[in-house]
Amino acid sequence: MFLVDYEGCVGCQDTIFVEELEPTWEPRVPIKLPIINPFGDRILTDWFEMLETEFHTLPLVELINEIEDLVQEILENSDNGVPELAFSEICHRCGCNWYEERERWLKI
């Protein structure tokens, strides 16, 4: 189970989280995970370059000719690389709905 801190309050309150696992750690005590960083242009560019070489049949292939422009558009449409918004934008460009896919994956 994962707890998602949408408001960024985990470190601000009197909460019982461990930051490092030790031999005495008990599973009933949640682990404080690091904050998710936005995707930067280098991460997205590397990913698209890998797609271009490895998967020639994906719907993005015709868009990848201008990787830098594509990356900038995704960053602009995802609040500068917020992961969930970036995934949504990429899925939209592939012709699928991120939120529908996410619901399907969460059921698995």
PDB file of N, CA and C in Angstrom:
ATOM      1  N   MET A   1       0.850  -1.167   0.000  1.00  0.00           N
ATOM      2  CA  MET A   1       0.000   0.000   0.000  1.00  0.00           C
ATOM      3  C   MET A   1       0.898   1.234   0.000  1.00  0.00           C
ATOM      4  N   PHE A   2       0.500   2.222  -0.775  1.00  0.00           N
ATOM      5  CA  PHE A   2       1.209   3.494  -0.810  1.00  0.00           C
ATOM      6  C   PHE A   2       0.264   4.588  -0.352  1.00  0.00           C
ATOM      7  N   LEU A   3       0.773   5.480   0.464  1.00  0.00           N
ATOM      8  CA  LEU A   3       0.029   6.670   0.852  1.00  0.00           C
ATOM      9  C   LEU A   3       0.537   7.797  -0.034  1.00  0.00           C
ATOM     10  N   VAL A   4      -0.356   8.537  -0.630  1.00  0.00           N
ATOM     11  CA  VAL A   4       0.041   9.631  -1.507  1.00  0.00           C
ATOM     12  C   VAL A   4      -0.228  10.941  -0.792  1.00  0.00           C
ATOM     13  N   ASP A   5       0.820  11.731  -0.647  1.00  0.00           N
ATOM     14  CA  ASP A   5       0.745  13.008   0.050  1.00  0.00           C
ATOM     15  C   ASP A   5       0.547  14.125  -0.968  1.00  0.00           C
ATOM     16  N   TYR A   6      -0.705  14.329  -1.400  1.00  0.00           N
ATOM     17  CA  TYR A   6      -1.003  15.334  -2.406  1.00  0.00           C
ATOM     18  C   TYR A   6      -0.777  16.753  -1.899  1.00  0.00           C
ATOM     19  N   GLU A   7      -0.808  16.955  -0.594  1.00  0.00           N
ATOM     20  CA  GLU A   7      -0.704  18.308  -0.052  1.00  0.00           C
ATOM     21  C   GLU A   7       0.677  18.627   0.514  1.00  0.00           C
ATOM     22  N   GLY A   8       1.580  17.669   0.518  1.00  0.00           N
ATOM     23  CA  GLY A   8       2.937  17.914   1.006  1.00  0.00           C
ATOM     24  C   GLY A   8       3.034  18.131   2.499  1.00  0.00           C
ATOM     25  N   CYS A   9       2.207  17.443   3.285  1.00  0.00           N
ATOM     26  CA  CYS A   9       2.220  17.651   4.737  1.00  0.00           C
ATOM     27  C   CYS A   9       2.932  16.565   5.537  1.00  0.00           C
ATOM     28  N   VAL A  10       3.418  15.526   4.907  1.00  0.00           N
ATOM     29  CA  VAL A  10       3.989  14.415   5.671  1.00  0.00           C
ATOM     30  C   VAL A  10       5.108  14.874   6.588  1.00  0.00           C
ATOM     31  N   GLY A  11       6.016  15.677   6.105  1.00  0.00           N
ATOM     32  CA  GLY A  11       7.136  16.107   6.928  1.00  0.00           C
ATOM     33  C   GLY A  11       6.810  17.260   7.852  1.00  0.00           C
ATOM     34  N   CYS A  12       5.603  17.834   7.749  1.00  0.00           N
ATOM     35  CA  CYS A  12       5.261  19.037   8.488  1.00  0.00           C
ATOM     36  C   CYS A  12       4.499  18.758   9.779  1.00  0.00           C
ATOM     37  N   GLN A  13       3.975  17.590   9.939  1.00  0.00           N
ATOM     38  CA  GLN A  13       3.129  17.295  11.088  1.00  0.00           C
ATOM     39  C   GLN A  13       3.807  16.271  11.992  1.00  0.00           C
ATOM     40  N   ASP A  14       3.192  16.041  13.141  1.00  0.00           N
ATOM     41  CA  ASP A  14       3.647  14.968  14.012  1.00  0.00           C
ATOM     42  C   ASP A  14       3.157  13.641  13.455  1.00  0.00           C
ATOM     43  N   THR A  15       3.877  13.128  12.494  1.00  0.00           N
ATOM     44  CA  THR A  15       3.497  11.861  11.890  1.00  0.00           C
ATOM     45  C   THR A  15       4.569  10.829  12.171  1.00  0.00           C
ATOM     46  N   ILE A  16       4.149   9.591  12.141  1.00  0.00           N
ATOM     47  CA  ILE A  16       5.081   8.510  12.429  1.00  0.00           C
ATOM     48  C   ILE A  16       5.530   7.894  11.111  1.00  0.00           C
ATOM     49  N   PHE A  17       6.615   8.388  10.567  1.00  0.00           N
ATOM     50  CA  PHE A  17       7.201   7.849   9.354  1.00  0.00           C
ATOM     51  C   PHE A  17       8.673   7.596   9.617  1.00  0.00           C
ATOM     52  N   VAL A  18       9.208   6.577   9.002  1.00  0.00           N
ATOM     53  CA  VAL A  18      10.651   6.360   9.074  1.00  0.00           C
ATOM     54  C   VAL A  18      11.251   6.806   7.754  1.00  0.00           C
ATOM     55  N   GLU A  19      12.434   7.383   7.826  1.00  0.00           N
ATOM     56  CA  GLU A  19      13.096   7.839   6.606  1.00  0.00           C
ATOM     57  C   GLU A  19      14.128   6.836   6.118  1.00  0.00           C
ATOM     58  N   GLU A  20      14.608   6.002   7.020  1.00  0.00           N
ATOM     59  CA  GLU A  20      15.571   4.970   6.646  1.00  0.00           C
ATOM     60  C   GLU A  20      15.150   3.658   7.289  1.00  0.00           C
ATOM     61  N   LEU A  21      15.256   2.588   6.505  1.00  0.00           N
ATOM     62  CA  LEU A  21      14.915   1.278   7.042  1.00  0.00           C
ATOM     63  C   LEU A  21      16.064   0.751   7.889  1.00  0.00           C
ATOM     64  N   GLU A  22      15.705   0.252   9.042  1.00  0.00           N
ATOM     65  CA  GLU A  22      16.677  -0.349   9.947  1.00  0.00           C
ATOM     66  C   GLU A  22      16.201  -1.750  10.278  1.00  0.00           C
ATOM     67  N   PRO A  23      17.043  -2.574  10.836  1.00  0.00           N
ATOM     68  CA  PRO A  23      16.628  -3.947  11.165  1.00  0.00           C
ATOM     69  C   PRO A  23      15.433  -4.007  12.122  1.00  0.00           C
ATOM     70  N   THR A  24      15.204  -2.946  12.880  1.00  0.00           N
ATOM     71  CA  THR A  24      14.094  -2.937  13.838  1.00  0.00           C
ATOM     72  C   THR A  24      12.789  -2.416  13.241  1.00  0.00           C
ATOM     73  N   TRP A  25      12.804  -2.020  11.953  1.00  0.00           N
ATOM     74  CA  TRP A  25      11.617  -1.473  11.303  1.00  0.00           C
ATOM     75  C   TRP A  25      10.485  -2.482  11.302  1.00  0.00           C
ATOM     76  N   GLU A  26       9.276  -1.977  11.584  1.00  0.00           N
ATOM     77  CA  GLU A  26       8.073  -2.812  11.560  1.00  0.00           C
ATOM     78  C   GLU A  26       7.170  -2.341  10.427  1.00  0.00           C
ATOM     79  N   PRO A  27       6.571  -3.287   9.689  1.00  0.00           N
ATOM     80  CA  PRO A  27       5.738  -2.917   8.536  1.00  0.00           C
ATOM     81  C   PRO A  27       4.557  -2.009   8.863  1.00  0.00           C
ATOM     82  N   ARG A  28       4.163  -1.919  10.112  1.00  0.00           N
ATOM     83  CA  ARG A  28       3.042  -1.041  10.451  1.00  0.00           C
ATOM     84  C   ARG A  28       3.445   0.429  10.471  1.00  0.00           C
ATOM     85  N   VAL A  29       4.737   0.719  10.418  1.00  0.00           N
ATOM     86  CA  VAL A  29       5.231   2.092  10.401  1.00  0.00           C
ATOM     87  C   VAL A  29       5.543   2.469   8.953  1.00  0.00           C
ATOM     88  N   PRO A  30       4.832   3.484   8.407  1.00  0.00           N
ATOM     89  CA  PRO A  30       5.050   3.840   6.998  1.00  0.00           C
ATOM     90  C   PRO A  30       6.438   4.434   6.750  1.00  0.00           C
ATOM     91  N   ILE A  31       6.904   4.240   5.535  1.00  0.00           N
ATOM     92  CA  ILE A  31       8.200   4.759   5.110  1.00  0.00           C
ATOM     93  C   ILE A  31       7.974   6.081   4.388  1.00  0.00           C
ATOM     94  N   LYS A  32       8.729   7.074   4.767  1.00  0.00           N
ATOM     95  CA  LYS A  32       8.630   8.375   4.106  1.00  0.00           C
ATOM     96  C   LYS A  32       9.488   8.328   2.846  1.00  0.00           C
ATOM     97  N   LEU A  33       8.819   8.347   1.698  1.00  0.00           N
ATOM     98  CA  LEU A  33       9.518   8.321   0.418  1.00  0.00           C
ATOM     99  C   LEU A  33       9.900   9.732  -0.004  1.00  0.00           C
ATOM    100  N   PRO A  34      10.899   9.856  -0.854  1.00  0.00           N
ATOM    101  CA  PRO A  34      11.286  11.201  -1.312  1.00  0.00           C
ATOM    102  C   PRO A  34      10.198  11.819  -2.179  1.00  0.00           C
ATOM    103  N   ILE A  35      10.217  13.122  -2.277  1.00  0.00           N
ATOM    104  CA  ILE A  35       9.273  13.856  -3.110  1.00  0.00           C
ATOM    105  C   ILE A  35       9.552  13.524  -4.573  1.00  0.00           C
ATOM    106  N   ILE A  36       8.491  13.332  -5.337  1.00  0.00           N
ATOM    107  CA  ILE A  36       8.639  13.054  -6.759  1.00  0.00           C
ATOM    108  C   ILE A  36       9.007  14.347  -7.474  1.00  0.00           C
ATOM    109  N   ASN A  37      10.094  14.299  -8.206  1.00  0.00           N
ATOM    110  CA  ASN A  37      10.542  15.469  -8.962  1.00  0.00           C
ATOM    111  C   ASN A  37       9.884  15.492 -10.330  1.00  0.00           C
ATOM    112  N   PRO A  38       9.668  16.671 -10.874  1.00  0.00           N
ATOM    113  CA  PRO A  38       9.123  16.758 -12.234  1.00  0.00           C
ATOM    114  C   PRO A  38      10.111  16.161 -13.237  1.00  0.00           C
ATOM    115  N   PHE A  39       9.567  15.704 -14.366  1.00  0.00           N
ATOM    116  CA  PHE A  39      10.421  15.255 -15.455  1.00  0.00           C
ATOM    117  C   PHE A  39      11.073  16.468 -16.087  1.00  0.00           C
ATOM    118  N   GLY A  40      12.343  16.364 -16.352  1.00  0.00           N
ATOM    119  CA  GLY A  40      13.031  17.432 -17.055  1.00  0.00           C
ATOM    120  C   GLY A  40      13.141  17.104 -18.531  1.00  0.00           C
ATOM    121  N   ASP A  41      13.632  18.060 -19.302  1.00  0.00           N
ATOM    122  CA  ASP A  41      13.727  17.830 -20.741  1.00  0.00           C
ATOM    123  C   ASP A  41      14.703  16.710 -21.084  1.00  0.00           C
ATOM    124  N   ARG A  42      15.752  16.522 -20.286  1.00  0.00           N
ATOM    125  CA  ARG A  42      16.726  15.459 -20.575  1.00  0.00           C
ATOM    126  C   ARG A  42      16.086  14.076 -20.395  1.00  0.00           C
ATOM    127  N   ILE A  43      15.299  13.902 -19.335  1.00  0.00           N
ATOM    128  CA  ILE A  43      14.646  12.611 -19.094  1.00  0.00           C
ATOM    129  C   ILE A  43      13.692  12.288 -20.240  1.00  0.00           C
ATOM    130  N   LEU A  44      12.864  13.247 -20.622  1.00  0.00           N
ATOM    131  CA  LEU A  44      11.912  13.009 -21.708  1.00  0.00           C
ATOM    132  C   LEU A  44      12.632  12.788 -23.039  1.00  0.00           C
ATOM    133  N   THR A  45      13.661  13.566 -23.316  1.00  0.00           N
ATOM    134  CA  THR A  45      14.412  13.403 -24.564  1.00  0.00           C
ATOM    135  C   THR A  45      15.043  12.023 -24.637  1.00  0.00           C
ATOM    136  N   ASP A  46      15.681  11.595 -23.547  1.00  0.00           N
ATOM    137  CA  ASP A  46      16.285  10.255 -23.520  1.00  0.00           C
ATOM    138  C   ASP A  46      15.232   9.180 -23.751  1.00  0.00           C
ATOM    139  N   TRP A  47      14.070   9.343 -23.142  1.00  0.00           N
ATOM    140  CA  TRP A  47      13.002   8.356 -23.283  1.00  0.00           C
ATOM    141  C   TRP A  47      12.525   8.291 -24.731  1.00  0.00           C
ATOM    142  N   PHE A  48      12.293   9.450 -25.349  1.00  0.00           N
ATOM    143  CA  PHE A  48      11.837   9.469 -26.734  1.00  0.00           C
ATOM    144  C   PHE A  48      12.896   8.914 -27.685  1.00  0.00           C
ATOM    145  N   GLU A  49      14.165   9.202 -27.419  1.00  0.00           N
ATOM    146  CA  GLU A  49      15.226   8.646 -28.264  1.00  0.00           C
ATOM    147  C   GLU A  49      15.255   7.125 -28.154  1.00  0.00           C
ATOM    148  N   MET A  50      15.037   6.605 -26.954  1.00  0.00           N
ATOM    149  CA  MET A  50      14.978   5.160 -26.767  1.00  0.00           C
ATOM    150  C   MET A  50      13.780   4.589 -27.517  1.00  0.00           C
ATOM    151  N   LEU A  51      12.634   5.270 -27.461  1.00  0.00           N
ATOM    152  CA  LEU A  51      11.450   4.821 -28.201  1.00  0.00           C
ATOM    153  C   LEU A  51      11.726   4.771 -29.691  1.00  0.00           C
ATOM    154  N   GLU A  52      12.402   5.783 -30.163  1.00  0.00           N
ATOM    155  CA  GLU A  52      12.672   5.882 -31.598  1.00  0.00           C
ATOM    156  C   GLU A  52      13.525   4.707 -32.075  1.00  0.00           C
ATOM    157  N   THR A  53      14.492   4.295 -31.268  1.00  0.00           N
ATOM    158  CA  THR A  53      15.367   3.207 -31.695  1.00  0.00           C
ATOM    159  C   THR A  53      14.796   1.827 -31.389  1.00  0.00           C
ATOM    160  N   GLU A  54      14.034   1.685 -30.326  1.00  0.00           N
ATOM    161  CA  GLU A  54      13.581   0.366 -29.903  1.00  0.00           C
ATOM    162  C   GLU A  54      12.192  -0.025 -30.391  1.00  0.00           C
ATOM    163  N   PHE A  55      11.280   0.922 -30.496  1.00  0.00           N
ATOM    164  CA  PHE A  55       9.886   0.612 -30.791  1.00  0.00           C
ATOM    165  C   PHE A  55       9.391   1.428 -31.975  1.00  0.00           C
ATOM    166  N   HIS A  56       9.596   0.927 -33.154  1.00  0.00           N
ATOM    167  CA  HIS A  56       9.241   1.681 -34.354  1.00  0.00           C
ATOM    168  C   HIS A  56       7.744   1.665 -34.659  1.00  0.00           C
ATOM    169  N   THR A  57       6.950   0.935 -33.880  1.00  0.00           N
ATOM    170  CA  THR A  57       5.533   0.825 -34.200  1.00  0.00           C
ATOM    171  C   THR A  57       4.637   1.649 -33.288  1.00  0.00           C
ATOM    172  N   LEU A  58       5.200   2.362 -32.327  1.00  0.00           N
ATOM    173  CA  LEU A  58       4.364   3.158 -31.425  1.00  0.00           C
ATOM    174  C   LEU A  58       3.794   4.380 -32.146  1.00  0.00           C
ATOM    175  N   PRO A  59       2.619   4.862 -31.723  1.00  0.00           N
ATOM    176  CA  PRO A  59       1.996   6.023 -32.372  1.00  0.00           C
ATOM    177  C   PRO A  59       2.838   7.285 -32.338  1.00  0.00           C
ATOM    178  N   LEU A  60       3.798   7.373 -31.443  1.00  0.00           N
ATOM    179  CA  LEU A  60       4.602   8.591 -31.353  1.00  0.00           C
ATOM    180  C   LEU A  60       5.675   8.673 -32.433  1.00  0.00           C
ATOM    181  N   VAL A  61       5.938   7.578 -33.112  1.00  0.00           N
ATOM    182  CA  VAL A  61       7.066   7.546 -34.037  1.00  0.00           C
ATOM    183  C   VAL A  61       7.018   8.675 -35.054  1.00  0.00           C
ATOM    184  N   GLU A  62       5.839   8.953 -35.622  1.00  0.00           N
ATOM    185  CA  GLU A  62       5.786  10.026 -36.609  1.00  0.00           C
ATOM    186  C   GLU A  62       6.004  11.397 -35.979  1.00  0.00           C
ATOM    187  N   LEU A  63       5.811  11.526 -34.676  1.00  0.00           N
ATOM    188  CA  LEU A  63       6.023  12.804 -33.998  1.00  0.00           C
ATOM    189  C   LEU A  63       7.462  12.986 -33.536  1.00  0.00           C
ATOM    190  N   ILE A  64       8.206  11.911 -33.480  1.00  0.00           N
ATOM    191  CA  ILE A  64       9.531  11.946 -32.855  1.00  0.00           C
ATOM    192  C   ILE A  64      10.586  12.621 -33.732  1.00  0.00           C
ATOM    193  N   ASN A  65      10.275  12.888 -34.983  1.00  0.00           N
ATOM    194  CA  ASN A  65      11.259  13.547 -35.836  1.00  0.00           C
ATOM    195  C   ASN A  65      11.743  14.855 -35.232  1.00  0.00           C
ATOM    196  N   GLU A  66      10.902  15.501 -34.477  1.00  0.00           N
ATOM    197  CA  GLU A  66      11.272  16.753 -33.827  1.00  0.00           C
ATOM    198  C   GLU A  66      11.187  16.569 -32.311  1.00  0.00           C
ATOM    199  N   ILE A  67      12.091  15.771 -31.780  1.00  0.00           N
ATOM    200  CA  ILE A  67      12.043  15.409 -30.354  1.00  0.00           C
ATOM    201  C   ILE A  67      12.078  16.632 -29.460  1.00  0.00           C
ATOM    202  N   GLU A  68      12.948  17.567 -29.748  1.00  0.00           N
ATOM    203  CA  GLU A  68      13.067  18.737 -28.870  1.00  0.00           C
ATOM    204  C   GLU A  68      11.762  19.519 -28.806  1.00  0.00           C
ATOM    205  N   ASP A  69      11.114  19.704 -29.966  1.00  0.00           N
ATOM    206  CA  ASP A  69       9.834  20.415 -29.987  1.00  0.00           C
ATOM    207  C   ASP A  69       8.780  19.636 -29.222  1.00  0.00           C
ATOM    208  N   LEU A  70       8.757  18.321 -29.414  1.00  0.00           N
ATOM    209  CA  LEU A  70       7.792  17.466 -28.724  1.00  0.00           C
ATOM    210  C   LEU A  70       7.983  17.541 -27.213  1.00  0.00           C
ATOM    211  N   VAL A  71       9.226  17.459 -26.773  1.00  0.00           N
ATOM    212  CA  VAL A  71       9.520  17.534 -25.340  1.00  0.00           C
ATOM    213  C   VAL A  71       9.060  18.875 -24.775  1.00  0.00           C
ATOM    214  N   GLN A  72       9.337  19.963 -25.471  1.00  0.00           N
ATOM    215  CA  GLN A  72       8.925  21.281 -24.984  1.00  0.00           C
ATOM    216  C   GLN A  72       7.408  21.396 -24.894  1.00  0.00           C
ATOM    217  N   GLU A  73       6.700  20.838 -25.884  1.00  0.00           N
ATOM    218  CA  GLU A  73       5.236  20.858 -25.845  1.00  0.00           C
ATOM    219  C   GLU A  73       4.707  20.058 -24.657  1.00  0.00           C
ATOM    220  N   ILE A  74       5.303  18.905 -24.411  1.00  0.00           N
ATOM    221  CA  ILE A  74       4.854  18.087 -23.270  1.00  0.00           C
ATOM    222  C   ILE A  74       5.125  18.820 -21.962  1.00  0.00           C
ATOM    223  N   LEU A  75       6.294  19.424 -21.830  1.00  0.00           N
ATOM    224  CA  LEU A  75       6.602  20.178 -20.611  1.00  0.00           C
ATOM    225  C   LEU A  75       5.634  21.342 -20.433  1.00  0.00           C
ATOM    226  N   GLU A  76       5.325  22.037 -21.503  1.00  0.00           N
ATOM    227  CA  GLU A  76       4.385  23.162 -21.425  1.00  0.00           C
ATOM    228  C   GLU A  76       2.991  22.701 -21.026  1.00  0.00           C
ATOM    229  N   ASN A  77       2.587  21.525 -21.500  1.00  0.00           N
ATOM    230  CA  ASN A  77       1.237  21.022 -21.229  1.00  0.00           C
ATOM    231  C   ASN A  77       1.158  20.152 -19.972  1.00  0.00           C
ATOM    232  N   SER A  78       2.265  20.087 -19.217  1.00  0.00           N
ATOM    233  CA  SER A  78       2.253  19.263 -18.006  1.00  0.00           C
ATOM    234  C   SER A  78       2.778  20.033 -16.799  1.00  0.00           C
ATOM    235  N   ASP A  79       2.574  21.339 -16.800  1.00  0.00           N
ATOM    236  CA  ASP A  79       3.030  22.182 -15.685  1.00  0.00           C
ATOM    237  C   ASP A  79       4.520  21.954 -15.415  1.00  0.00           C
ATOM    238  N   ASN A  80       5.306  22.005 -16.490  1.00  0.00           N
ATOM    239  CA  ASN A  80       6.766  21.828 -16.442  1.00  0.00           C
ATOM    240  C   ASN A  80       7.195  20.448 -15.971  1.00  0.00           C
ATOM    241  N   GLY A  81       6.488  19.412 -16.419  1.00  0.00           N
ATOM    242  CA  GLY A  81       6.944  18.038 -16.192  1.00  0.00           C
ATOM    243  C   GLY A  81       6.387  17.333 -14.984  1.00  0.00           C
ATOM    244  N   VAL A  82       5.268  17.804 -14.432  1.00  0.00           N
ATOM    245  CA  VAL A  82       4.634  17.065 -13.331  1.00  0.00           C
ATOM    246  C   VAL A  82       4.333  15.660 -13.866  1.00  0.00           C
ATOM    247  N   PRO A  83       4.874  14.602 -13.226  1.00  0.00           N
ATOM    248  CA  PRO A  83       4.786  13.259 -13.799  1.00  0.00           C
ATOM    249  C   PRO A  83       3.394  12.826 -14.248  1.00  0.00           C
ATOM    250  N   GLU A  84       2.377  12.966 -13.417  1.00  0.00           N
ATOM    251  CA  GLU A  84       1.044  12.521 -13.806  1.00  0.00           C
ATOM    252  C   GLU A  84       0.529  13.295 -15.020  1.00  0.00           C
ATOM    253  N   LEU A  85       0.789  14.597 -15.047  1.00  0.00           N
ATOM    254  CA  LEU A  85       0.353  15.410 -16.180  1.00  0.00           C
ATOM    255  C   LEU A  85       1.150  15.080 -17.445  1.00  0.00           C
ATOM    256  N   ALA A  86       2.444  14.785 -17.284  1.00  0.00           N
ATOM    257  CA  ALA A  86       3.270  14.397 -18.431  1.00  0.00           C
ATOM    258  C   ALA A  86       2.788  13.067 -19.001  1.00  0.00           C
ATOM    259  N   PHE A  87       2.488  12.096 -18.129  1.00  0.00           N
ATOM    260  CA  PHE A  87       1.947  10.817 -18.604  1.00  0.00           C
ATOM    261  C   PHE A  87       0.636  11.036 -19.341  1.00  0.00           C
ATOM    262  N   SER A  88      -0.201  11.895 -18.805  1.00  0.00           N
ATOM    263  CA  SER A  88      -1.480  12.182 -19.440  1.00  0.00           C
ATOM    264  C   SER A  88      -1.265  12.770 -20.831  1.00  0.00           C
ATOM    265  N   GLU A  89      -0.340  13.690 -20.954  1.00  0.00           N
ATOM    266  CA  GLU A  89      -0.053  14.320 -22.248  1.00  0.00           C
ATOM    267  C   GLU A  89       0.510  13.311 -23.246  1.00  0.00           C
ATOM    268  N   ILE A  90       1.416  12.468 -22.799  1.00  0.00           N
ATOM    269  CA  ILE A  90       1.993  11.444 -23.681  1.00  0.00           C
ATOM    270  C   ILE A  90       0.904  10.473 -24.128  1.00  0.00           C
ATOM    271  N   CYS A  91       0.063  10.030 -23.192  1.00  0.00           N
ATOM    272  CA  CYS A  91      -1.026   9.114 -23.547  1.00  0.00           C
ATOM    273  C   CYS A  91      -1.967   9.767 -24.551  1.00  0.00           C
ATOM    274  N   HIS A  92      -2.291  11.033 -24.334  1.00  0.00           N
ATOM    275  CA  HIS A  92      -3.167  11.757 -25.254  1.00  0.00           C
ATOM    276  C   HIS A  92      -2.588  11.743 -26.668  1.00  0.00           C
ATOM    277  N   ARG A  93      -1.286  11.956 -26.780  1.00  0.00           N
ATOM    278  CA  ARG A  93      -0.625  11.967 -28.079  1.00  0.00           C
ATOM    279  C   ARG A  93      -0.596  10.579 -28.717  1.00  0.00           C
ATOM    280  N   CYS A  94      -0.718   9.537 -27.883  1.00  0.00           N
ATOM    281  CA  CYS A  94      -0.749   8.154 -28.394  1.00  0.00           C
ATOM    282  C   CYS A  94      -2.172   7.690 -28.670  1.00  0.00           C
ATOM    283  N   GLY A  95      -3.148   8.539 -28.385  1.00  0.00           N
ATOM    284  CA  GLY A  95      -4.533   8.175 -28.654  1.00  0.00           C
ATOM    285  C   GLY A  95      -5.191   7.371 -27.552  1.00  0.00           C
ATOM    286  N   CYS A  96      -4.648   7.429 -26.345  1.00  0.00           N
ATOM    287  CA  CYS A  96      -5.313   6.751 -25.226  1.00  0.00           C
ATOM    288  C   CYS A  96      -5.543   7.745 -24.094  1.00  0.00           C
ATOM    289  N   ASN A  97      -6.410   7.395 -23.182  1.00  0.00           N
ATOM    290  CA  ASN A  97      -6.763   8.264 -22.069  1.00  0.00           C
ATOM    291  C   ASN A  97      -6.030   7.789 -20.820  1.00  0.00           C
ATOM    292  N   TRP A  98      -5.122   8.622 -20.304  1.00  0.00           N
ATOM    293  CA  TRP A  98      -4.323   8.271 -19.129  1.00  0.00           C
ATOM    294  C   TRP A  98      -5.200   7.858 -17.956  1.00  0.00           C
ATOM    295  N   TYR A  99      -6.281   8.576 -17.721  1.00  0.00           N
ATOM    296  CA  TYR A  99      -7.101   8.292 -16.553  1.00  0.00           C
ATOM    297  C   TYR A  99      -7.831   6.965 -16.693  1.00  0.00           C
ATOM    298  N   GLU A 100      -8.280   6.613 -17.893  1.00  0.00           N
ATOM    299  CA  GLU A 100      -8.897   5.305 -18.099  1.00  0.00           C
ATOM    300  C   GLU A 100      -7.866   4.192 -17.938  1.00  0.00           C
ATOM    301  N   GLU A 101      -6.677   4.390 -18.495  1.00  0.00           N
ATOM    302  CA  GLU A 101      -5.613   3.387 -18.369  1.00  0.00           C
ATOM    303  C   GLU A 101      -5.188   3.240 -16.911  1.00  0.00           C
ATOM    304  N   ARG A 102      -5.083   4.356 -16.208  1.00  0.00           N
ATOM    305  CA  ARG A 102      -4.677   4.317 -14.805  1.00  0.00           C
ATOM    306  C   ARG A 102      -5.679   3.515 -13.992  1.00  0.00           C
ATOM    307  N   GLU A 103      -6.965   3.707 -14.228  1.00  0.00           N
ATOM    308  CA  GLU A 103      -7.993   2.949 -13.507  1.00  0.00           C
ATOM    309  C   GLU A 103      -7.862   1.462 -13.799  1.00  0.00           C
ATOM    310  N   ARG A 104      -7.570   1.114 -15.047  1.00  0.00           N
ATOM    311  CA  ARG A 104      -7.399  -0.284 -15.412  1.00  0.00           C
ATOM    312  C   ARG A 104      -6.179  -0.868 -14.707  1.00  0.00           C
ATOM    313  N   TRP A 105      -5.066  -0.117 -14.651  1.00  0.00           N
ATOM    314  CA  TRP A 105      -3.847  -0.597 -14.014  1.00  0.00           C
ATOM    315  C   TRP A 105      -4.028  -0.716 -12.512  1.00  0.00           C
ATOM    316  N   LEU A 106      -4.808   0.183 -11.917  1.00  0.00           N
ATOM    317  CA  LEU A 106      -5.002   0.129 -10.471  1.00  0.00           C
ATOM    318  C   LEU A 106      -5.799  -1.089 -10.042  1.00  0.00           C
ATOM    319  N   LYS A 107      -6.606  -1.641 -10.952  1.00  0.00           N
ATOM    320  CA  LYS A 107      -7.401  -2.835 -10.640  1.00  0.00           C
ATOM    321  C   LYS A 107      -6.544  -4.096 -10.637  1.00  0.00           C
ATOM    322  N   ILE A 108      -5.412  -4.041 -11.320  1.00  0.00           N
ATOM    323  CA  ILE A 108      -4.553  -5.235 -11.439  1.00  0.00           C
ATOM    324  C   ILE A 108      -3.931  -5.576 -10.112  1.00  0.00           C
TER     325      ILE A 108
END
